[in-house]
N, C-alpha and C. Protein backbone atom coordinates (compact mmCIF):
# COMPACT_ATOMS: atom_id res chain seq x y z
N MET A 1 1.23 -1.67 0.23
CA MET A 1 -0.47 -0.28 -0.12
C MET A 1 1.28 1.25 -0.05
N HIS A 2 0.35 1.88 -1.04
CA HIS A 2 1.72 3.24 -0.75
C HIS A 2 0.37 4.51 -0.23
N ILE A 3 1.21 5.16 0.37
CA ILE A 3 0.94 5.69 1.73
C ILE A 3 0.67 7.52 1.25
N THR A 4 -0.94 8.05 1.29
CA THR A 4 -1.17 9.03 0.07
C THR A 4 -2.07 10.17 0.78
N PRO A 5 -2.04 11.29 0.19
CA PRO A 5 -2.61 11.83 1.02
C PRO A 5 -4.60 11.64 0.16
N GLU A 6 -4.44 11.03 -0.50
CA GLU A 6 -6.01 11.12 -1.09
C GLU A 6 -5.67 9.65 -0.52
N ALA A 7 -5.37 8.66 -0.33
CA ALA A 7 -5.94 7.17 0.41
C ALA A 7 -6.13 7.74 1.70
N LEU A 8 -5.28 8.51 2.52
CA LEU A 8 -5.40 8.76 3.94
C LEU A 8 -6.80 9.40 3.76
N GLU A 9 -7.26 10.54 2.46
CA GLU A 9 -8.23 11.81 3.17
C GLU A 9 -9.71 10.69 3.07
N ARG A 10 -9.75 9.37 1.92
CA ARG A 10 -10.96 9.00 1.74
C ARG A 10 -11.15 8.21 3.83
N GLU A 11 -9.81 7.70 4.12
CA GLU A 11 -10.66 7.28 5.57
C GLU A 11 -10.42 7.84 6.54
N PHE A 12 -9.71 9.06 6.83
CA PHE A 12 -9.93 9.56 8.05
C PHE A 12 -10.64 11.02 7.89
N SER A 13 -11.54 10.88 9.13
CA SER A 13 -12.23 12.49 9.03
C SER A 13 -11.09 13.74 9.19
N LEU A 14 -11.60 14.93 9.53
CA LEU A 14 -10.40 15.88 10.32
C LEU A 14 -9.76 15.35 11.62
N SER A 15 -11.02 15.61 12.80
CA SER A 15 -10.42 15.19 13.93
C SER A 15 -9.43 13.67 14.18
N THR A 16 -10.49 12.87 13.07
CA THR A 16 -9.38 12.02 13.71
C THR A 16 -7.91 11.58 12.93
N ALA A 17 -8.22 12.15 11.34
CA ALA A 17 -6.47 12.81 10.84
C ALA A 17 -5.98 13.70 12.02
N THR A 18 -6.57 14.59 12.71
CA THR A 18 -5.13 15.45 13.29
C THR A 18 -4.93 15.17 15.00
N THR A 19 -6.16 13.28 15.20
CA THR A 19 -5.45 13.12 16.58
C THR A 19 -4.28 11.92 16.19
N ARG A 20 -3.85 11.11 14.80
CA ARG A 20 -3.22 10.33 14.26
C ARG A 20 -2.08 11.11 14.01
N LEU A 21 -2.71 12.37 14.03
CA LEU A 21 -1.15 13.11 13.85
C LEU A 21 -0.09 13.99 15.35
N ASP A 22 -1.46 13.99 15.31
CA ASP A 22 -0.60 14.60 16.87
C ASP A 22 0.11 12.76 17.34
N PHE A 23 -0.02 11.84 17.74
CA PHE A 23 0.36 10.85 18.16
C PHE A 23 1.12 10.28 17.86
N LEU A 24 1.65 10.57 16.38
CA LEU A 24 2.64 10.01 15.30
C LEU A 24 3.61 11.75 15.84
N SER A 25 3.55 12.58 15.86
CA SER A 25 4.33 14.14 16.32
C SER A 25 4.54 13.39 16.89
N ARG A 26 3.89 13.33 18.80
CA ARG A 26 4.38 13.16 20.08
C ARG A 26 5.61 12.08 20.09
N ARG A 27 5.07 11.29 19.08
CA ARG A 27 5.82 9.61 19.59
C ARG A 27 7.43 9.89 19.51
N ASP A 28 7.45 10.51 17.98
CA ASP A 28 9.40 10.45 17.47
C ASP A 28 9.44 11.37 18.84
N SER A 29 10.89 10.97 19.06
CA SER A 29 11.46 11.97 19.68
C SER A 29 12.25 12.69 18.84
N GLY A 30 12.66 12.45 18.21
CA GLY A 30 13.34 13.66 17.19
C GLY A 30 14.80 13.97 16.88
N VAL A 31 15.50 12.73 17.33
CA VAL A 31 16.28 12.16 16.95
C VAL A 31 17.06 12.83 15.51
N THR A 32 18.25 12.75 15.39
CA THR A 32 18.81 12.67 13.32
C THR A 32 20.09 12.13 13.77
N THR A 33 19.53 11.30 14.43
CA THR A 33 20.98 9.55 14.26
C THR A 33 20.58 8.60 13.54
N LEU A 34 21.10 8.21 12.96
CA LEU A 34 21.09 7.12 12.56
C LEU A 34 20.35 5.71 13.19
N ASN A 35 19.32 4.96 12.54
CA ASN A 35 19.23 4.00 13.91
C ASN A 35 20.49 3.26 14.35
N THR A 36 21.04 2.72 15.08
CA THR A 36 22.04 1.73 15.81
C THR A 36 21.47 1.77 16.58
N VAL A 37 22.20 0.52 16.79
CA VAL A 37 21.94 -1.24 17.99
C VAL A 37 22.67 -0.76 19.19
N ALA A 38 22.24 -0.58 20.22
CA ALA A 38 22.86 -0.51 21.32
C ALA A 38 22.71 -2.03 22.69
N GLU A 39 24.31 -1.81 23.20
CA GLU A 39 23.69 -2.95 23.89
C GLU A 39 23.34 -2.83 25.29
N GLU A 40 22.69 -3.50 26.43
CA GLU A 40 22.06 -2.81 27.16
C GLU A 40 21.90 -4.05 28.48
N ASP A 41 22.03 -3.97 29.93
CA ASP A 41 21.90 -5.09 29.97
C ASP A 41 20.41 -5.52 30.13
N PRO A 42 19.59 -6.47 30.18
CA PRO A 42 18.62 -6.84 29.86
C PRO A 42 18.27 -6.74 31.59
N ASP A 43 18.91 -6.27 32.31
CA ASP A 43 17.62 -6.25 33.89
C ASP A 43 17.93 -5.29 34.67
N ASP A 44 18.63 -4.58 33.26
CA ASP A 44 18.86 -2.15 34.01
C ASP A 44 17.63 -2.08 33.81
N TRP A 45 16.29 -2.09 35.02
CA TRP A 45 15.11 -1.34 34.17
C TRP A 45 15.29 0.32 34.24
N SER A 46 15.81 0.99 34.22
CA SER A 46 16.91 2.05 33.79
C SER A 46 16.50 2.95 32.65
N ALA A 47 16.77 1.69 31.74
CA ALA A 47 17.80 2.20 30.69
C ALA A 47 16.01 2.30 29.93
N ILE A 48 14.72 1.73 30.40
CA ILE A 48 13.47 1.76 29.28
C ILE A 48 13.08 3.54 30.14
N ARG A 49 13.75 4.19 31.08
CA ARG A 49 13.38 6.39 31.11
C ARG A 49 14.28 6.30 29.83
N ASP A 50 15.45 6.06 29.69
CA ASP A 50 15.92 7.17 28.70
C ASP A 50 15.75 6.09 27.26
N THR A 51 14.88 5.10 27.20
CA THR A 51 14.55 5.49 25.94
C THR A 51 14.01 5.88 24.72
N GLU A 52 14.53 6.32 23.75
CA GLU A 52 14.11 7.40 22.75
C GLU A 52 13.27 6.10 21.56
N THR A 53 12.30 6.99 21.46
CA THR A 53 11.19 6.44 19.96
C THR A 53 10.91 6.93 18.43
N ASN A 54 11.25 6.09 17.86
CA ASN A 54 11.86 7.05 16.44
C ASN A 54 10.47 6.00 15.71
N LEU A 55 9.73 6.65 14.97
CA LEU A 55 9.19 6.64 13.87
C LEU A 55 9.64 5.22 12.88
N ASP A 56 8.72 4.28 12.58
CA ASP A 56 9.42 3.75 11.39
C ASP A 56 8.77 4.73 10.38
N VAL A 57 10.09 3.67 8.75
CA VAL A 57 9.55 4.68 7.82
C VAL A 57 7.69 4.38 7.15
N PRO A 58 7.40 3.93 7.22
CA PRO A 58 5.59 3.99 7.28
C PRO A 58 5.30 5.18 7.34
N GLU A 59 5.53 4.50 9.37
CA GLU A 59 4.67 5.81 10.59
C GLU A 59 5.04 7.61 9.60
N SER A 60 6.10 7.44 9.24
CA SER A 60 6.81 8.49 9.02
C SER A 60 6.09 9.35 7.65
N LEU A 61 5.75 8.12 6.84
CA LEU A 61 5.16 8.94 5.71
C LEU A 61 3.49 8.79 5.50
N GLU A 62 2.86 8.38 6.70
CA GLU A 62 2.17 8.14 7.21
C GLU A 62 1.61 10.14 7.61
N LEU A 63 2.78 10.20 8.71
CA LEU A 63 2.50 11.54 9.84
C LEU A 63 2.91 12.53 8.59
N LEU A 64 3.19 12.73 7.08
CA LEU A 64 3.90 13.55 5.69
C LEU A 64 2.08 13.52 5.45
N ALA A 65 1.42 12.17 5.24
CA ALA A 65 -0.18 12.09 4.28
C ALA A 65 -0.64 12.77 5.41
N LEU A 66 -0.59 12.90 6.62
CA LEU A 66 -1.36 13.44 7.34
C LEU A 66 -1.46 14.77 7.43
N GLY A 67 0.23 15.32 7.47
CA GLY A 67 -0.44 17.31 7.66
C GLY A 67 -1.33 17.32 5.80
N GLU A 68 -0.45 17.13 5.26
CA GLU A 68 -1.24 17.25 3.88
C GLU A 68 -2.79 17.03 3.88
N VAL A 69 -3.39 16.23 4.55
CA VAL A 69 -4.58 15.72 4.18
C VAL A 69 -5.04 16.89 5.35
N ILE A 70 -5.08 17.43 6.99
CA ILE A 70 -5.59 18.26 7.19
C ILE A 70 -5.59 19.38 6.33
N ALA A 71 -3.98 20.31 6.36
CA ALA A 71 -4.44 20.87 5.29
C ALA A 71 -5.15 21.54 4.30
N ARG A 72 -5.22 20.31 3.43
CA ARG A 72 -6.43 20.27 2.39
C ARG A 72 -7.70 20.19 2.39
N LYS A 73 -8.48 19.98 3.96
CA LYS A 73 -9.24 19.75 4.96
C LYS A 73 -9.78 21.11 5.23
N ALA A 74 -8.56 22.60 5.67
CA ALA A 74 -8.65 23.34 6.35
C ALA A 74 -8.70 24.33 5.25
N ARG A 75 -8.32 23.98 4.27
CA ARG A 75 -7.91 25.11 2.99
C ARG A 75 -9.73 24.76 2.42
N ASP A 76 -10.12 23.77 2.21
CA ASP A 76 -11.64 23.63 1.64
C ASP A 76 -12.13 23.42 3.23
N SER A 77 -12.13 24.15 3.97
CA SER A 77 -12.84 25.02 5.16
C SER A 77 -12.61 26.24 4.42
N GLN A 78 -11.79 26.77 4.86
CA GLN A 78 -11.99 28.37 4.55
C GLN A 78 -13.22 28.64 3.18
N LEU A 79 -13.20 27.53 1.91
CA LEU A 79 -14.34 28.09 0.97
C LEU A 79 -15.13 28.45 1.58
N ILE A 80 -16.10 27.78 2.44
CA ILE A 80 -17.40 27.88 3.03
C ILE A 80 -16.83 28.78 3.67
N GLY A 81 -16.28 29.11 4.50
CA GLY A 81 -16.27 30.11 5.66
C GLY A 81 -16.19 31.05 4.96
N ILE A 82 -15.58 31.59 3.40
CA ILE A 82 -15.46 32.93 2.89
C ILE A 82 -17.16 32.86 2.86
N ARG A 83 -17.61 31.91 1.84
CA ARG A 83 -18.70 32.11 1.43
C ARG A 83 -19.83 32.87 1.58
N ALA A 84 -19.64 32.29 3.25
CA ALA A 84 -20.69 32.06 4.25
C ALA A 84 -20.37 34.17 4.31
N ALA A 85 -19.70 34.12 4.40
CA ALA A 85 -18.91 35.61 5.32
C ALA A 85 -19.53 36.32 4.29
N LEU A 86 -19.20 35.94 3.11
CA LEU A 86 -19.91 37.18 1.40
C LEU A 86 -21.03 37.29 1.66
N ARG A 87 -22.23 35.91 2.36
CA ARG A 87 -23.31 36.17 2.37
C ARG A 87 -24.38 36.76 3.37
N GLY A 88 -23.11 37.12 4.09
CA GLY A 88 -23.33 37.80 5.66
C GLY A 88 -23.12 39.27 5.69
N GLY A 89 -22.57 39.71 3.71
CA GLY A 89 -21.67 41.10 4.37
C GLY A 89 -20.60 40.99 4.23
N ALA A 90 -19.42 40.31 4.68
CA ALA A 90 -18.78 40.78 5.36
C ALA A 90 -17.67 41.84 4.21
N GLY A 91 -17.03 42.01 4.07
CA GLY A 91 -16.04 42.66 3.03
C GLY A 91 -14.27 41.87 3.18
N TRP A 92 -13.82 41.80 1.82
CA TRP A 92 -12.60 41.72 1.61
C TRP A 92 -10.96 41.93 2.22
N GLU A 93 -11.84 43.21 3.36
CA GLU A 93 -10.76 44.10 4.08
C GLU A 93 -10.78 42.83 5.29
N GLU A 94 -12.68 42.46 5.77
CA GLU A 94 -12.44 41.36 6.94
C GLU A 94 -11.79 40.13 6.62
N ILE A 95 -11.92 39.57 5.82
CA ILE A 95 -12.34 37.89 5.33
C ILE A 95 -11.09 38.25 4.82
N GLY A 96 -9.78 39.45 4.74
CA GLY A 96 -8.53 39.32 4.96
C GLY A 96 -7.76 39.80 5.69
N ALA A 97 -8.74 40.31 7.22
CA ALA A 97 -8.32 40.18 8.76
C ALA A 97 -8.35 38.58 9.64
N ALA A 98 -9.40 38.14 8.48
CA ALA A 98 -9.36 36.82 9.46
C ALA A 98 -8.84 35.97 8.53
N LEU A 99 -8.14 35.67 7.40
CA LEU A 99 -6.95 34.83 7.43
C LEU A 99 -5.66 35.41 6.93
N ASP A 100 -5.86 36.20 8.12
CA ASP A 100 -3.73 37.48 8.56
C ASP A 100 -3.33 37.49 7.00
N ALA A 101 -4.37 38.14 6.23
CA ALA A 101 -3.90 38.27 4.43
C ALA A 101 -4.09 39.82 4.31
N THR A 102 -4.27 40.15 3.18
CA THR A 102 -4.47 41.54 2.79
C THR A 102 -6.15 41.45 2.17
N PRO A 103 -6.50 41.85 1.49
CA PRO A 103 -7.61 42.00 1.05
C PRO A 103 -7.36 41.12 0.05
N GLU A 104 -6.46 41.39 -1.39
CA GLU A 104 -6.35 41.24 -2.48
C GLU A 104 -6.18 39.91 -2.31
N GLU A 105 -5.31 39.55 -1.04
CA GLU A 105 -4.37 37.59 -1.26
C GLU A 105 -5.81 36.94 -0.91
N ALA A 106 -6.23 37.94 -0.32
CA ALA A 106 -8.39 36.61 0.37
C ALA A 106 -8.78 36.65 -0.50
N TRP A 107 -9.20 37.68 -1.43
CA TRP A 107 -9.52 37.64 -3.36
C TRP A 107 -9.28 36.34 -3.76
N THR A 108 -7.56 36.87 -3.98
CA THR A 108 -7.08 35.38 -5.16
C THR A 108 -7.41 34.25 -4.49
N ALA A 109 -6.26 34.23 -2.76
CA ALA A 109 -7.15 32.44 -2.58
C ALA A 109 -8.41 32.00 -2.03
N TYR A 110 -9.92 32.63 -2.39
CA TYR A 110 -11.06 32.51 -2.29
C TYR A 110 -11.21 31.86 -3.62
N HIS A 111 -10.06 32.49 -5.57
CA HIS A 111 -10.59 31.95 -6.11
C HIS A 111 -10.13 30.48 -7.11
N ARG A 112 -7.83 30.41 -6.13
CA ARG A 112 -7.82 29.29 -5.95
C ARG A 112 -8.25 28.66 -5.25
N LEU A 113 -9.19 28.04 -4.21
CA LEU A 113 -10.16 27.86 -4.00
C LEU A 113 -11.23 26.85 -4.99
N ILE A 114 -12.09 28.21 -5.27
CA ILE A 114 -12.95 27.49 -6.33
C ILE A 114 -12.32 27.19 -7.92
N GLU A 115 -11.19 27.03 -7.48
CA GLU A 115 -10.50 26.50 -8.80
C GLU A 115 -10.24 24.74 -9.20
N ARG A 116 -9.37 24.90 -7.56
CA ARG A 116 -9.56 23.72 -6.70
C ARG A 116 -10.23 22.30 -6.96
N GLN A 117 -11.82 23.54 -6.21
CA GLN A 117 -12.98 22.27 -5.79
C GLN A 117 -12.77 21.82 -7.32
N GLU A 118 -12.89 22.83 -8.45
CA GLU A 118 -13.86 22.70 -10.02
C GLU A 118 -12.90 21.80 -10.51
N ARG A 119 -11.49 21.67 -10.09
CA ARG A 119 -10.84 19.98 -10.84
C ARG A 119 -11.35 19.23 -10.02
N THR A 120 -11.87 19.06 -8.86
CA THR A 120 -12.10 17.87 -8.15
C THR A 120 -12.84 17.54 -8.23
N ARG A 121 -13.77 18.29 -8.84
CA ARG A 121 -15.06 17.40 -8.97
C ARG A 121 -15.99 18.10 -7.52
N ALA A 122 -15.82 18.75 -7.05
CA ALA A 122 -16.67 19.16 -5.50
C ALA A 122 -17.48 19.68 -6.09
N LEU A 123 -16.37 20.61 -6.90
CA LEU A 123 -17.79 22.31 -7.39
C LEU A 123 -18.00 21.73 -8.97
N ASP A 124 -19.37 21.91 -8.81
CA ASP A 124 -19.74 21.72 -10.00
C ASP A 124 -19.59 22.98 -10.90
N PRO A 125 -19.93 23.03 -12.25
CA PRO A 125 -19.72 24.68 -12.64
C PRO A 125 -20.11 25.11 -12.68
N GLY A 126 -21.45 25.09 -12.48
CA GLY A 126 -22.59 26.14 -11.72
C GLY A 126 -22.68 27.01 -10.61
N ASP A 127 -21.97 26.10 -9.71
CA ASP A 127 -21.83 26.41 -7.97
C ASP A 127 -20.76 27.26 -8.16
N ALA A 128 -20.05 26.63 -8.95
CA ALA A 128 -18.37 27.64 -9.28
C ALA A 128 -18.79 29.34 -9.82
N ALA A 129 -19.36 29.00 -10.47
CA ALA A 129 -19.41 30.95 -11.72
C ALA A 129 -20.02 31.30 -10.17
N SER A 130 -21.35 30.78 -9.44
CA SER A 130 -22.27 31.55 -8.48
C SER A 130 -21.14 32.42 -7.50
N ALA A 131 -20.50 30.85 -7.11
CA ALA A 131 -19.27 31.23 -5.59
C ALA A 131 -18.20 32.51 -6.23
N ARG A 132 -17.74 32.56 -7.62
CA ARG A 132 -17.29 34.13 -8.20
C ARG A 132 -18.15 35.26 -8.19
N ASP A 133 -19.30 35.39 -8.87
CA ASP A 133 -19.93 35.90 -8.59
C ASP A 133 -20.00 37.07 -7.47
N LEU A 134 -20.39 36.06 -6.55
CA LEU A 134 -20.49 36.51 -5.20
C LEU A 134 -19.03 37.05 -4.25
N ALA A 135 -17.99 36.47 -5.20
CA ALA A 135 -16.94 37.50 -4.56
C ALA A 135 -16.45 39.20 -5.31
N GLY A 136 -17.48 39.64 -6.00
CA GLY A 136 -17.39 40.25 -6.89
C GLY A 136 -15.91 40.82 -6.66
N ALA A 137 -15.72 41.78 -7.70
CA ALA A 137 -14.36 42.46 -8.51
C ALA A 137 -13.69 42.33 -7.14
N ARG A 138 -12.23 42.25 -7.60
CA ARG A 138 -11.31 42.40 -7.58
C ARG A 138 -10.66 43.67 -6.59
N PRO A 139 -10.04 43.57 -4.38
CA PRO A 139 -10.38 44.72 -4.35
C PRO A 139 -9.49 45.80 -4.80
N ARG A 140 -9.26 46.50 -4.68
CA ARG A 140 -7.72 47.61 -5.12
C ARG A 140 -7.40 48.23 -3.75
N ARG A 141 -5.63 48.32 -4.19
CA ARG A 141 -4.95 48.34 -3.06
C ARG A 141 -5.68 50.18 -2.55
């Protein structure tokens, strides 16, 4: 099995993906040395205290793919949030502030989100056109 964001995106909800990512990232000690074999006294229980854990390759790849899944789901939720804000009467100045971006950057990001969802067929052409109309003209500096 190849570990890809597409495979995990179908398998995990946002909350499950976040929980799994948190678990995996906490399990890795962050040590950058290559794995080595250490001789330890099997009767010395204090060795457990100093044990460092490292993710194996499949877990590492899963961690990377889960990060991408979460980022994609977060981007998708931005489209929902921006559309709702626009329908409610918010302007690009307010939306930009909520995204920590300029109004122009927020407008551009909104259009990229529409294009992404159109490419993946999450939005049909009619809904994409409505979303673009909702955005209005590009804000000026």
